[in-house]
PDB file of N, CA and C in Angstrom:
ATOM      1  N   MET A   1      -4.030  12.412   4.946  1.00  0.00           N
ATOM      2  CA  MET A   1      -3.878  11.062   4.439  1.00  0.00           C
ATOM      3  C   MET A   1      -2.462  10.820   3.923  1.00  0.00           C
ATOM      4  N   GLN A   2      -1.892  11.826   3.270  1.00  0.00           N
ATOM      5  CA  GLN A   2      -0.546  11.665   2.728  1.00  0.00           C
ATOM      6  C   GLN A   2       0.476  11.476   3.847  1.00  0.00           C
ATOM      7  N   ASP A   3       0.279  12.170   4.994  1.00  0.00           N
ATOM      8  CA  ASP A   3       1.196  12.011   6.117  1.00  0.00           C
ATOM      9  C   ASP A   3       1.203  10.572   6.615  1.00  0.00           C
ATOM     10  N   LYS A   4       0.022   9.958   6.681  1.00  0.00           N
ATOM     11  CA  LYS A   4      -0.073   8.576   7.135  1.00  0.00           C
ATOM     12  C   LYS A   4       0.649   7.647   6.168  1.00  0.00           C
ATOM     13  N   MET A   5       0.460   7.837   4.881  1.00  0.00           N
ATOM     14  CA  MET A   5       1.124   6.992   3.892  1.00  0.00           C
ATOM     15  C   MET A   5       2.631   7.179   3.958  1.00  0.00           C
ATOM     16  N   THR A   6       3.056   8.403   4.133  1.00  0.00           N
ATOM     17  CA  THR A   6       4.483   8.672   4.239  1.00  0.00           C
ATOM     18  C   THR A   6       5.060   7.992   5.470  1.00  0.00           C
ATOM     19  N   TYR A   7       4.351   8.088   6.589  1.00  0.00           N
ATOM     20  CA  TYR A   7       4.801   7.452   7.820  1.00  0.00           C
ATOM     21  C   TYR A   7       4.881   5.937   7.643  1.00  0.00           C
ATOM     22  N   GLU A   8       3.841   5.347   7.032  1.00  0.00           N
ATOM     23  CA  GLU A   8       3.837   3.899   6.810  1.00  0.00           C
ATOM     24  C   GLU A   8       4.971   3.477   5.888  1.00  0.00           C
ATOM     25  N   ALA A   9       5.212   4.244   4.844  1.00  0.00           N
ATOM     26  CA  ALA A   9       6.302   3.930   3.917  1.00  0.00           C
ATOM     27  C   ALA A   9       7.647   4.034   4.616  1.00  0.00           C
ATOM     28  N   LYS A  10       7.811   5.059   5.454  1.00  0.00           N
ATOM     29  CA  LYS A  10       9.062   5.219   6.200  1.00  0.00           C
ATOM     30  C   LYS A  10       9.254   4.071   7.183  1.00  0.00           C
ATOM     31  N   SER A  11       8.179   3.684   7.864  1.00  0.00           N
ATOM     32  CA  SER A  11       8.268   2.582   8.821  1.00  0.00           C
ATOM     33  C   SER A  11       8.646   1.281   8.125  1.00  0.00           C
ATOM     34  N   GLU A  12       8.056   1.048   6.969  1.00  0.00           N
ATOM     35  CA  GLU A  12       8.362  -0.164   6.209  1.00  0.00           C
ATOM     36  C   GLU A  12       9.811  -0.159   5.733  1.00  0.00           C
ATOM     37  N   ALA A  13      10.281   0.976   5.269  1.00  0.00           N
ATOM     38  CA  ALA A  13      11.672   1.089   4.813  1.00  0.00           C
ATOM     39  C   ALA A  13      12.632   0.882   5.975  1.00  0.00           C
ATOM     40  N   ALA A  14      12.300   1.444   7.133  1.00  0.00           N
ATOM     41  CA  ALA A  14      13.151   1.282   8.313  1.00  0.00           C
ATOM     42  C   ALA A  14      13.202  -0.181   8.734  1.00  0.00           C
ATOM     43  N   GLU A  15      12.071  -0.859   8.689  1.00  0.00           N
ATOM     44  CA  GLU A  15      12.030  -2.274   9.057  1.00  0.00           C
ATOM     45  C   GLU A  15      12.837  -3.116   8.073  1.00  0.00           C
ATOM     46  N   THR A  16      12.779  -2.780   6.801  1.00  0.00           N
ATOM     47  CA  THR A  16      13.559  -3.491   5.786  1.00  0.00           C
ATOM     48  C   THR A  16      15.053  -3.307   6.033  1.00  0.00           C
ATOM     49  N   ARG A  17      15.473  -2.079   6.322  1.00  0.00           N
ATOM     50  CA  ARG A  17      16.893  -1.819   6.621  1.00  0.00           C
ATOM     51  C   ARG A  17      17.333  -2.592   7.852  1.00  0.00           C
ATOM     52  N   ARG A  18      16.503  -2.583   8.882  1.00  0.00           N
ATOM     53  CA  ARG A  18      16.826  -3.285  10.123  1.00  0.00           C
ATOM     54  C   ARG A  18      16.958  -4.787   9.856  1.00  0.00           C
ATOM     55  N   ALA A  19      16.036  -5.345   9.091  1.00  0.00           N
ATOM     56  CA  ALA A  19      16.067  -6.776   8.782  1.00  0.00           C
ATOM     57  C   ALA A  19      17.331  -7.145   8.017  1.00  0.00           C
ATOM     58  N   GLN A  20      17.741  -6.305   7.072  1.00  0.00           N
ATOM     59  CA  GLN A  20      18.954  -6.573   6.297  1.00  0.00           C
ATOM     60  C   GLN A  20      20.190  -6.523   7.190  1.00  0.00           C
ATOM     61  N   LEU A  21      20.235  -5.560   8.088  1.00  0.00           N
ATOM     62  CA  LEU A  21      21.366  -5.449   9.003  1.00  0.00           C
ATOM     63  C   LEU A  21      21.430  -6.666   9.920  1.00  0.00           C
ATOM     64  N   LEU A  22      20.292  -7.049  10.487  1.00  0.00           N
ATOM     65  CA  LEU A  22      20.253  -8.198  11.389  1.00  0.00           C
ATOM     66  C   LEU A  22      20.628  -9.488  10.676  1.00  0.00           C
ATOM     67  N   LYS A  23      20.184  -9.629   9.445  1.00  0.00           N
ATOM     68  CA  LYS A  23      20.510 -10.833   8.681  1.00  0.00           C
ATOM     69  C   LYS A  23      22.017 -10.949   8.495  1.00  0.00           C
ATOM     70  N   GLY A  24      22.676  -9.830   8.291  1.00  0.00           N
ATOM     71  CA  GLY A  24      24.119  -9.832   8.138  1.00  0.00           C
ATOM     72  C   GLY A  24      24.856 -10.195   9.414  1.00  0.00           C
ATOM     73  N   LEU A  25      24.253  -9.896  10.555  1.00  0.00           N
ATOM     74  CA  LEU A  25      24.881 -10.190  11.843  1.00  0.00           C
ATOM     75  C   LEU A  25      24.497 -11.564  12.392  1.00  0.00           C
ATOM     76  N   ALA A  26      23.505 -12.181  11.801  1.00  0.00           N
ATOM     77  CA  ALA A  26      22.979 -13.443  12.322  1.00  0.00           C
ATOM     78  C   ALA A  26      24.030 -14.545  12.358  1.00  0.00           C
ATOM     79  N   GLU A  27      24.858 -14.641  11.323  1.00  0.00           N
ATOM     80  CA  GLU A  27      25.862 -15.707  11.293  1.00  0.00           C
ATOM     81  C   GLU A  27      26.861 -15.551  12.432  1.00  0.00           C
ATOM     82  N   LEU A  28      27.357 -14.347  12.637  1.00  0.00           N
ATOM     83  CA  LEU A  28      28.301 -14.103  13.731  1.00  0.00           C
ATOM     84  C   LEU A  28      27.656 -14.435  15.074  1.00  0.00           C
ATOM     85  N   ALA A  29      26.436 -13.981  15.282  1.00  0.00           N
ATOM     86  CA  ALA A  29      25.751 -14.242  16.544  1.00  0.00           C
ATOM     87  C   ALA A  29      25.507 -15.736  16.744  1.00  0.00           C
ATOM     88  N   LEU A  30      25.115 -16.422  15.689  1.00  0.00           N
ATOM     89  CA  LEU A  30      24.853 -17.855  15.783  1.00  0.00           C
ATOM     90  C   LEU A  30      26.132 -18.620  16.123  1.00  0.00           C
ATOM     91  N   LEU A  31      27.210 -18.299  15.451  1.00  0.00           N
ATOM     92  CA  LEU A  31      28.487 -18.950  15.766  1.00  0.00           C
ATOM     93  C   LEU A  31      28.879 -18.682  17.216  1.00  0.00           C
ATOM     94  N   SER A  32      28.611 -17.482  17.705  1.00  0.00           N
ATOM     95  CA  SER A  32      28.930 -17.131  19.093  1.00  0.00           C
ATOM     96  C   SER A  32      28.125 -17.962  20.080  1.00  0.00           C
ATOM     97  N   VAL A  33      26.858 -18.215  19.767  1.00  0.00           N
ATOM     98  CA  VAL A  33      26.019 -19.052  20.633  1.00  0.00           C
ATOM     99  C   VAL A  33      26.636 -20.438  20.783  1.00  0.00           C
ATOM    100  N   LEU A  34      27.209 -20.949  19.712  1.00  0.00           N
ATOM    101  CA  LEU A  34      27.747 -22.311  19.717  1.00  0.00           C
ATOM    102  C   LEU A  34      29.170 -22.401  20.262  1.00  0.00           C
ATOM    103  N   LYS A  35      29.740 -21.287  20.642  1.00  0.00           N
ATOM    104  CA  LYS A  35      31.139 -21.272  21.094  1.00  0.00           C
ATOM    105  C   LYS A  35      31.367 -22.172  22.311  1.00  0.00           C
ATOM    106  N   ALA A  36      30.502 -22.104  23.301  1.00  0.00           N
ATOM    107  CA  ALA A  36      30.716 -22.841  24.545  1.00  0.00           C
ATOM    108  C   ALA A  36      30.234 -24.287  24.483  1.00  0.00           C
ATOM    109  N   ARG A  37      29.112 -24.511  23.788  1.00  0.00           N
ATOM    110  CA  ARG A  37      28.559 -25.874  23.744  1.00  0.00           C
ATOM    111  C   ARG A  37      27.553 -25.992  22.609  1.00  0.00           C
ATOM    112  N   ALA A  38      27.155 -27.223  22.343  1.00  0.00           N
ATOM    113  CA  ALA A  38      26.162 -27.494  21.302  1.00  0.00           C
ATOM    114  C   ALA A  38      24.772 -27.072  21.778  1.00  0.00           C
ATOM    115  N   HIS A  39      23.950 -26.654  20.830  1.00  0.00           N
ATOM    116  CA  HIS A  39      22.562 -26.270  21.104  1.00  0.00           C
ATOM    117  C   HIS A  39      21.676 -26.811  19.995  1.00  0.00           C
ATOM    118  N   TYR A  40      20.394 -26.986  20.304  1.00  0.00           N
ATOM    119  CA  TYR A  40      19.437 -27.358  19.264  1.00  0.00           C
ATOM    120  C   TYR A  40      18.799 -26.087  18.700  1.00  0.00           C
ATOM    121  N   GLY A  41      18.138 -26.214  17.559  1.00  0.00           N
ATOM    122  CA  GLY A  41      17.659 -25.064  16.800  1.00  0.00           C
ATOM    123  C   GLY A  41      16.849 -24.042  17.568  1.00  0.00           C
ATOM    124  N   LEU A  42      15.779 -24.474  18.246  1.00  0.00           N
ATOM    125  CA  LEU A  42      14.942 -23.509  18.965  1.00  0.00           C
ATOM    126  C   LEU A  42      15.680 -22.873  20.135  1.00  0.00           C
ATOM    127  N   GLU A  43      16.592 -23.609  20.738  1.00  0.00           N
ATOM    128  CA  GLU A  43      17.411 -23.068  21.821  1.00  0.00           C
ATOM    129  C   GLU A  43      18.306 -21.948  21.279  1.00  0.00           C
ATOM    130  N   ILE A  44      18.882 -22.165  20.115  1.00  0.00           N
ATOM    131  CA  ILE A  44      19.701 -21.137  19.458  1.00  0.00           C
ATOM    132  C   ILE A  44      18.848 -19.914  19.162  1.00  0.00           C
ATOM    133  N   LEU A  45      17.686 -20.146  18.593  1.00  0.00           N
ATOM    134  CA  LEU A  45      16.783 -19.048  18.242  1.00  0.00           C
ATOM    135  C   LEU A  45      16.378 -18.252  19.477  1.00  0.00           C
ATOM    136  N   ASP A  46      16.044 -18.932  20.565  1.00  0.00           N
ATOM    137  CA  ASP A  46      15.676 -18.247  21.807  1.00  0.00           C
ATOM    138  C   ASP A  46      16.814 -17.380  22.328  1.00  0.00           C
ATOM    139  N   ARG A  47      18.037 -17.887  22.267  1.00  0.00           N
ATOM    140  CA  ARG A  47      19.188 -17.103  22.738  1.00  0.00           C
ATOM    141  C   ARG A  47      19.444 -15.902  21.846  1.00  0.00           C
ATOM    142  N   LEU A  48      19.320 -16.084  20.535  1.00  0.00           N
ATOM    143  CA  LEU A  48      19.528 -14.963  19.617  1.00  0.00           C
ATOM    144  C   LEU A  48      18.473 -13.886  19.832  1.00  0.00           C
ATOM    145  N   ARG A  49      17.245 -14.306  20.080  1.00  0.00           N
ATOM    146  CA  ARG A  49      16.170 -13.340  20.323  1.00  0.00           C
ATOM    147  C   ARG A  49      16.326 -12.673  21.685  1.00  0.00           C
ATOM    148  N   GLY A  50      16.558 -13.476  22.710  1.00  0.00           N
ATOM    149  CA  GLY A  50      16.596 -12.952  24.075  1.00  0.00           C
ATOM    150  C   GLY A  50      17.867 -12.221  24.440  1.00  0.00           C
ATOM    151  N   GLU A  51      19.002 -12.851  24.223  1.00  0.00           N
ATOM    152  CA  GLU A  51      20.276 -12.283  24.659  1.00  0.00           C
ATOM    153  C   GLU A  51      20.889 -11.335  23.647  1.00  0.00           C
ATOM    154  N   ALA A  52      20.750 -11.650  22.360  1.00  0.00           N
ATOM    155  CA  ALA A  52      21.368 -10.811  21.328  1.00  0.00           C
ATOM    156  C   ALA A  52      20.405  -9.761  20.777  1.00  0.00           C
ATOM    157  N   GLY A  53      19.119  -9.896  21.097  1.00  0.00           N
ATOM    158  CA  GLY A  53      18.141  -8.931  20.611  1.00  0.00           C
ATOM    159  C   GLY A  53      17.867  -9.022  19.122  1.00  0.00           C
ATOM    160  N   LEU A  54      18.167 -10.176  18.526  1.00  0.00           N
ATOM    161  CA  LEU A  54      17.922 -10.374  17.095  1.00  0.00           C
ATOM    162  C   LEU A  54      16.567 -11.049  16.922  1.00  0.00           C
ATOM    163  N   ASN A  55      15.624 -10.341  16.389  1.00  0.00           N
ATOM    164  CA  ASN A  55      14.279 -10.877  16.207  1.00  0.00           C
ATOM    165  C   ASN A  55      14.209 -11.655  14.895  1.00  0.00           C
ATOM    166  N   LEU A  56      14.788 -12.837  14.914  1.00  0.00           N
ATOM    167  CA  LEU A  56      14.855 -13.673  13.717  1.00  0.00           C
ATOM    168  C   LEU A  56      13.712 -14.672  13.700  1.00  0.00           C
ATOM    169  N   ALA A  57      13.256 -14.993  12.517  1.00  0.00           N
ATOM    170  CA  ALA A  57      12.207 -15.995  12.346  1.00  0.00           C
ATOM    171  C   ALA A  57      12.836 -17.378  12.224  1.00  0.00           C
ATOM    172  N   GLU A  58      12.045 -18.401  12.536  1.00  0.00           N
ATOM    173  CA  GLU A  58      12.526 -19.771  12.350  1.00  0.00           C
ATOM    174  C   GLU A  58      12.930 -19.995  10.904  1.00  0.00           C
ATOM    175  N   GLY A  59      12.233 -19.354   9.992  1.00  0.00           N
ATOM    176  CA  GLY A  59      12.529 -19.481   8.572  1.00  0.00           C
ATOM    177  C   GLY A  59      13.863 -18.886   8.174  1.00  0.00           C
ATOM    178  N   THR A  60      14.466 -18.124   9.064  1.00  0.00           N
ATOM    179  CA  THR A  60      15.796 -17.559   8.829  1.00  0.00           C
ATOM    180  C   THR A  60      16.870 -18.450   9.429  1.00  0.00           C
ATOM    181  N   ILE A  61      16.624 -18.953  10.623  1.00  0.00           N
ATOM    182  CA  ILE A  61      17.663 -19.648  11.377  1.00  0.00           C
ATOM    183  C   ILE A  61      17.979 -21.036  10.812  1.00  0.00           C
ATOM    184  N   TYR A  62      16.962 -21.776  10.401  1.00  0.00           N
ATOM    185  CA  TYR A  62      17.228 -23.142   9.940  1.00  0.00           C
ATOM    186  C   TYR A  62      17.989 -23.200   8.617  1.00  0.00           C
ATOM    187  N   PRO A  63      17.685 -22.367   7.639  1.00  0.00           N
ATOM    188  CA  PRO A  63      18.533 -22.354   6.438  1.00  0.00           C
ATOM    189  C   PRO A  63      19.975 -21.937   6.750  1.00  0.00           C
ATOM    190  N   LEU A  64      20.140 -21.011   7.688  1.00  0.00           N
ATOM    191  CA  LEU A  64      21.485 -20.589   8.082  1.00  0.00           C
ATOM    192  C   LEU A  64      22.228 -21.746   8.746  1.00  0.00           C
ATOM    193  N   LEU A  65      21.565 -22.461   9.640  1.00  0.00           N
ATOM    194  CA  LEU A  65      22.190 -23.630  10.273  1.00  0.00           C
ATOM    195  C   LEU A  65      22.597 -24.665   9.228  1.00  0.00           C
ATOM    196  N   HIS A  66      21.736 -24.904   8.274  1.00  0.00           N
ATOM    197  CA  HIS A  66      22.037 -25.871   7.212  1.00  0.00           C
ATOM    198  C   HIS A  66      23.243 -25.407   6.388  1.00  0.00           C
ATOM    199  N   ARG A  67      23.278 -24.121   6.047  1.00  0.00           N
ATOM    200  CA  ARG A  67      24.378 -23.584   5.244  1.00  0.00           C
ATOM    201  C   ARG A  67      25.702 -23.686   6.003  1.00  0.00           C
ATOM    202  N   LEU A  68      25.684 -23.380   7.297  1.00  0.00           N
ATOM    203  CA  LEU A  68      26.907 -23.463   8.103  1.00  0.00           C
ATOM    204  C   LEU A  68      27.392 -24.905   8.227  1.00  0.00           C
ATOM    205  N   GLU A  69      26.456 -25.834   8.343  1.00  0.00           N
ATOM    206  CA  GLU A  69      26.831 -27.251   8.406  1.00  0.00           C
ATOM    207  C   GLU A  69      27.430 -27.698   7.074  1.00  0.00           C
ATOM    208  N   LYS A  70      26.802 -27.306   5.989  1.00  0.00           N
ATOM    209  CA  LYS A  70      27.291 -27.674   4.656  1.00  0.00           C
ATOM    210  C   LYS A  70      28.682 -27.096   4.400  1.00  0.00           C
ATOM    211  N   ALA A  71      28.947 -25.905   4.936  1.00  0.00           N
ATOM    212  CA  ALA A  71      30.246 -25.253   4.763  1.00  0.00           C
ATOM    213  C   ALA A  71      31.314 -25.818   5.700  1.00  0.00           C
ATOM    214  N   GLY A  72      30.918 -26.718   6.604  1.00  0.00           N
ATOM    215  CA  GLY A  72      31.883 -27.319   7.520  1.00  0.00           C
ATOM    216  C   GLY A  72      32.165 -26.498   8.758  1.00  0.00           C
ATOM    217  N   LEU A  73      31.385 -25.452   8.996  1.00  0.00           N
ATOM    218  CA  LEU A  73      31.593 -24.608  10.178  1.00  0.00           C
ATOM    219  C   LEU A  73      30.931 -25.191  11.415  1.00  0.00           C
ATOM    220  N   THR A  74      29.893 -25.989  11.200  1.00  0.00           N
ATOM    221  CA  THR A  74      29.215 -26.676  12.298  1.00  0.00           C
ATOM    222  C   THR A  74      29.027 -28.136  11.920  1.00  0.00           C
ATOM    223  N   ARG A  75      28.735 -28.929  12.923  1.00  0.00           N
ATOM    224  CA  ARG A  75      28.337 -30.316  12.699  1.00  0.00           C
ATOM    225  C   ARG A  75      27.065 -30.529  13.516  1.00  0.00           C
ATOM    226  N   ALA A  76      26.257 -31.438  13.067  1.00  0.00           N
ATOM    227  CA  ALA A  76      24.986 -31.685  13.745  1.00  0.00           C
ATOM    228  C   ALA A  76      24.869 -33.153  14.120  1.00  0.00           C
ATOM    229  N   GLU A  77      24.176 -33.396  15.223  1.00  0.00           N
ATOM    230  CA  GLU A  77      23.886 -34.767  15.634  1.00  0.00           C
ATOM    231  C   GLU A  77      22.534 -34.796  16.331  1.00  0.00           C
ATOM    232  N   TRP A  78      21.844 -35.902  16.146  1.00  0.00           N
ATOM    233  CA  TRP A  78      20.558 -36.086  16.800  1.00  0.00           C
ATOM    234  C   TRP A  78      20.795 -36.640  18.198  1.00  0.00           C
ATOM    235  N   ARG A  79      20.094 -36.071  19.180  1.00  0.00           N
ATOM    236  CA  ARG A  79      20.199 -36.532  20.568  1.00  0.00           C
ATOM    237  C   ARG A  79      18.801 -36.726  21.137  1.00  0.00           C
ATOM    238  N   ILE A  80      18.721 -37.693  22.038  1.00  0.00           N
ATOM    239  CA  ILE A  80      17.484 -37.890  22.792  1.00  0.00           C
ATOM    240  C   ILE A  80      17.791 -37.520  24.232  1.00  0.00           C
ATOM    241  N   GLU A  81      17.109 -36.510  24.720  1.00  0.00           N
ATOM    242  CA  GLU A  81      17.289 -36.054  26.099  1.00  0.00           C
ATOM    243  C   GLU A  81      16.656 -37.069  27.054  1.00  0.00           C
ATOM    244  N   GLU A  82      17.151 -37.113  28.289  1.00  0.00           N
ATOM    245  CA  GLU A  82      16.530 -37.968  29.294  1.00  0.00           C
ATOM    246  C   GLU A  82      15.096 -37.510  29.501  1.00  0.00           C
ATOM    247  N   GLY A  83      14.175 -38.424  29.378  1.00  0.00           N
ATOM    248  CA  GLY A  83      12.767 -38.081  29.541  1.00  0.00           C
ATOM    249  C   GLY A  83      12.198 -37.290  28.380  1.00  0.00           C
ATOM    250  N   GLY A  84      13.025 -37.076  27.357  1.00  0.00           N
ATOM    251  CA  GLY A  84      12.573 -36.313  26.199  1.00  0.00           C
ATOM    252  C   GLY A  84      11.626 -37.121  25.333  1.00  0.00           C
ATOM    253  N   ALA A  85      10.660 -36.449  24.770  1.00  0.00           N
ATOM    254  CA  ALA A  85       9.657 -37.125  23.959  1.00  0.00           C
ATOM    255  C   ALA A  85      10.161 -37.418  22.547  1.00  0.00           C
ATOM    256  N   ARG A  86      11.043 -36.569  22.057  1.00  0.00           N
ATOM    257  CA  ARG A  86      11.510 -36.759  20.674  1.00  0.00           C
ATOM    258  C   ARG A  86      12.967 -36.312  20.562  1.00  0.00           C
ATOM    259  N   PRO A  87      13.667 -36.835  19.578  1.00  0.00           N
ATOM    260  CA  PRO A  87      15.064 -36.417  19.393  1.00  0.00           C
ATOM    261  C   PRO A  87      15.149 -34.976  18.898  1.00  0.00           C
ATOM    262  N   ARG A  88      16.264 -34.341  19.226  1.00  0.00           N
ATOM    263  CA  ARG A  88      16.533 -32.978  18.768  1.00  0.00           C
ATOM    264  C   ARG A  88      17.874 -32.960  18.053  1.00  0.00           C
ATOM    265  N   LYS A  89      17.962 -32.114  17.045  1.00  0.00           N
ATOM    266  CA  LYS A  89      19.202 -31.975  16.290  1.00  0.00           C
ATOM    267  C   LYS A  89      20.039 -30.885  16.955  1.00  0.00           C
ATOM    268  N   TYR A  90      21.206 -31.276  17.456  1.00  0.00           N
ATOM    269  CA  TYR A  90      22.119 -30.344  18.118  1.00  0.00           C
ATOM    270  C   TYR A  90      23.220 -29.936  17.154  1.00  0.00           C
ATOM    271  N   TYR A  91      23.592 -28.672  17.231  1.00  0.00           N
ATOM    272  CA  TYR A  91      24.634 -28.110  16.376  1.00  0.00           C
ATOM    273  C   TYR A  91      25.805 -27.689  17.249  1.00  0.00           C
ATOM    274  N   ALA A  92      27.019 -27.980  16.775  1.00  0.00           N
ATOM    275  CA  ALA A  92      28.244 -27.606  17.484  1.00  0.00           C
ATOM    276  C   ALA A  92      29.235 -27.036  16.477  1.00  0.00           C
ATOM    277  N   LEU A  93      30.135 -26.198  16.964  1.00  0.00           N
ATOM    278  CA  LEU A  93      31.179 -25.648  16.100  1.00  0.00           C
ATOM    279  C   LEU A  93      32.231 -26.701  15.795  1.00  0.00           C
ATOM    280  N   THR A  94      32.726 -26.692  14.589  1.00  0.00           N
ATOM    281  CA  THR A  94      33.897 -27.483  14.223  1.00  0.00           C
ATOM    282  C   THR A  94      35.125 -26.596  14.455  1.00  0.00           C
ATOM    283  N   GLU A  95      36.300 -27.143  14.275  1.00  0.00           N
ATOM    284  CA  GLU A  95      37.512 -26.322  14.391  1.00  0.00           C
ATOM    285  C   GLU A  95      37.513 -25.211  13.340  1.00  0.00           C
ATOM    286  N   ILE A  96      37.040 -25.536  12.146  1.00  0.00           N
ATOM    287  CA  ILE A  96      36.936 -24.515  11.094  1.00  0.00           C
ATOM    288  C   ILE A  96      35.956 -23.428  11.530  1.00  0.00           C
ATOM    289  N   GLY A  97      34.855 -23.839  12.158  1.00  0.00           N
ATOM    290  CA  GLY A  97      33.870 -22.882  12.655  1.00  0.00           C
ATOM    291  C   GLY A  97      34.433 -21.989  13.743  1.00  0.00           C
ATOM    292  N   ARG A  98      35.254 -22.568  14.616  1.00  0.00           N
ATOM    293  CA  ARG A  98      35.887 -21.759  15.675  1.00  0.00           C
ATOM    294  C   ARG A  98      36.829 -20.721  15.072  1.00  0.00           C
ATOM    295  N   ALA A  99      37.591 -21.121  14.078  1.00  0.00           N
ATOM    296  CA  ALA A  99      38.498 -20.183  13.406  1.00  0.00           C
ATOM    297  C   ALA A  99      37.703 -19.086  12.700  1.00  0.00           C
ATOM    298  N   GLU A 100      36.604 -19.458  12.069  1.00  0.00           N
ATOM    299  CA  GLU A 100      35.745 -18.477  11.394  1.00  0.00           C
ATOM    300  C   GLU A 100      35.146 -17.501  12.398  1.00  0.00           C
ATOM    301  N   LEU A 101      34.747 -17.999  13.555  1.00  0.00           N
ATOM    302  CA  LEU A 101      34.204 -17.131  14.601  1.00  0.00           C
ATOM    303  C   LEU A 101      35.237 -16.103  15.034  1.00  0.00           C
ATOM    304  N   VAL A 102      36.465 -16.528  15.248  1.00  0.00           N
ATOM    305  CA  VAL A 102      37.537 -15.601  15.635  1.00  0.00           C
ATOM    306  C   VAL A 102      37.718 -14.527  14.566  1.00  0.00           C
ATOM    307  N   GLU A 103      37.727 -14.934  13.299  1.00  0.00           N
ATOM    308  CA  GLU A 103      37.886 -13.970  12.197  1.00  0.00           C
ATOM    309  C   GLU A 103      36.718 -12.993  12.140  1.00  0.00           C
ATOM    310  N   GLN A 104      35.503 -13.515  12.263  1.00  0.00           N
ATOM    311  CA  GLN A 104      34.332 -12.637  12.195  1.00  0.00           C
ATOM    312  C   GLN A 104      34.270 -11.685  13.385  1.00  0.00           C
ATOM    313  N   GLN A 105      34.658 -12.159  14.573  1.00  0.00           N
ATOM    314  CA  GLN A 105      34.681 -11.279  15.744  1.00  0.00           C
ATOM    315  C   GLN A 105      35.689 -10.153  15.550  1.00  0.00           C
ATOM    316  N   ALA A 106      36.850 -10.474  15.023  1.00  0.00           N
ATOM    317  CA  ALA A 106      37.872  -9.451  14.773  1.00  0.00           C
ATOM    318  C   ALA A 106      37.376  -8.444  13.741  1.00  0.00           C
ATOM    319  N   GLU A 107      36.741  -8.933  12.691  1.00  0.00           N
ATOM    320  CA  GLU A 107      36.204  -8.041  11.660  1.00  0.00           C
ATOM    321  C   GLU A 107      35.105  -7.153  12.230  1.00  0.00           C
ATOM    322  N   TRP A 108      34.226  -7.728  13.050  1.00  0.00           N
ATOM    323  CA  TRP A 108      33.155  -6.950  13.680  1.00  0.00           C
ATOM    324  C   TRP A 108      33.744  -5.856  14.572  1.00  0.00           C
ATOM    325  N   THR A 109      34.750  -6.191  15.350  1.00  0.00           N
ATOM    326  CA  THR A 109      35.388  -5.211  16.228  1.00  0.00           C
ATOM    327  C   THR A 109      35.987  -4.078  15.411  1.00  0.00           C
ATOM    328  N   ARG A 110      36.668  -4.422  14.334  1.00  0.00           N
ATOM    329  CA  ARG A 110      37.293  -3.408  13.488  1.00  0.00           C
ATOM    330  C   ARG A 110      36.249  -2.513  12.828  1.00  0.00           C
ATOM    331  N   VAL A 111      35.248  -3.133  12.225  1.00  0.00           N
ATOM    332  CA  VAL A 111      34.224  -2.366  11.506  1.00  0.00           C
ATOM    333  C   VAL A 111      33.407  -1.506  12.466  1.00  0.00           C
ATOM    334  N   SER A 112      32.998  -2.074  13.596  1.00  0.00           N
ATOM    335  CA  SER A 112      32.163  -1.301  14.519  1.00  0.00           C
ATOM    336  C   SER A 112      32.934  -0.137  15.128  1.00  0.00           C
ATOM    337  N   ALA A 113      34.230  -0.322  15.396  1.00  0.00           N
ATOM    338  CA  ALA A 113      35.034   0.788  15.919  1.00  0.00           C
ATOM    339  C   ALA A 113      35.188   1.884  14.865  1.00  0.00           C
ATOM    340  N   SER A 114      35.486   1.495  13.645  1.00  0.00           N
ATOM    341  CA  SER A 114      35.654   2.483  12.568  1.00  0.00           C
ATOM    342  C   SER A 114      34.357   3.218  12.285  1.00  0.00           C
ATOM    343  N   LEU A 115      33.288   2.476  12.119  1.00  0.00           N
ATOM    344  CA  LEU A 115      32.007   3.088  11.797  1.00  0.00           C
ATOM    345  C   LEU A 115      31.480   3.904  12.969  1.00  0.00           C
ATOM    346  N   GLY A 116      31.662   3.394  14.182  1.00  0.00           N
ATOM    347  CA  GLY A 116      31.225   4.134  15.366  1.00  0.00           C
ATOM    348  C   GLY A 116      31.900   5.488  15.463  1.00  0.00           C
ATOM    349  N   GLY A 117      33.204   5.516  15.263  1.00  0.00           N
ATOM    350  CA  GLY A 117      33.933   6.785  15.283  1.00  0.00           C
ATOM    351  C   GLY A 117      33.488   7.713  14.173  1.00  0.00           C
ATOM    352  N   PHE A 118      33.282   7.174  12.998  1.00  0.00           N
ATOM    353  CA  PHE A 118      32.828   7.956  11.849  1.00  0.00           C
ATOM    354  C   PHE A 118      31.466   8.585  12.130  1.00  0.00           C
ATOM    355  N   LEU A 119      30.545   7.791  12.661  1.00  0.00           N
ATOM    356  CA  LEU A 119      29.206   8.301  12.950  1.00  0.00           C
ATOM    357  C   LEU A 119      29.225   9.346  14.061  1.00  0.00           C
ATOM    358  N   GLU A 120      30.049   9.141  15.077  1.00  0.00           N
ATOM    359  CA  GLU A 120      30.158  10.119  16.162  1.00  0.00           C
ATOM    360  C   GLU A 120      30.705  11.450  15.668  1.00  0.00           C
ATOM    361  N   ARG A 121      31.567  11.407  14.682  1.00  0.00           N
ATOM    362  CA  ARG A 121      32.133  12.644  14.124  1.00  0.00           C
ATOM    363  C   ARG A 121      31.193  13.278  13.101  1.00  0.00           C
ATOM    364  N   GLY A 122      30.039  12.691  12.913  1.00  0.00           N
ATOM    365  CA  GLY A 122      29.086  13.232  11.955  1.00  0.00           C
ATOM    366  C   GLY A 122      29.510  13.030  10.519  1.00  0.00           C
ATOM    367  N   GLY A 123      30.224  11.965  10.250  1.00  0.00           N
ATOM    368  CA  GLY A 123      30.632  11.666   8.885  1.00  0.00           C
ATOM    369  C   GLY A 123      31.874  12.405   8.438  1.00  0.00           C
ATOM    370  N   GLU A 124      32.537  13.034   9.370  1.00  0.00           N
ATOM    371  CA  GLU A 124      33.753  13.782   8.987  1.00  0.00           C
ATOM    372  C   GLU A 124      35.000  13.041   9.413  1.00  0.00           C
TER     373      GLU A 124
END
C-alpha cells in the first residue's frame, strides 16, 4: 500500500512541476502563435496544444490573453466570419508585443542552451 501512495505522490509532484514549467513557457508560445497573423482564443489554444505540445486549459489561456492585451503586447478585435454564427475575438501582436517576442525568444535560446549543456554534463 505504501508503494502505491508513494507512486501517486510522485506522480502528483511530477505533474505539478510540469504544469509550472508549461505555465512559464505559455506566454512565449502564445506570442509566437500570433507572430504571423491574428487568431481567436480557441484557435490559439488548439495550436498550443497540438503544435507546441502545451496541454493548457481554457482557464489558463484566457486570463493570459487578457493580461497581454492589458500590457499592450496584443490588441483584440471582434470579427464576424463569413457564414459564421457568432462573432469571435481575434488577438494580434502589437509592435510592443513583437519586440517582447524577440526578447523572449533570445532569452529562451540563451537559457535553453546554457541549461541543456549543464544537464548534459551532469551538473558539472
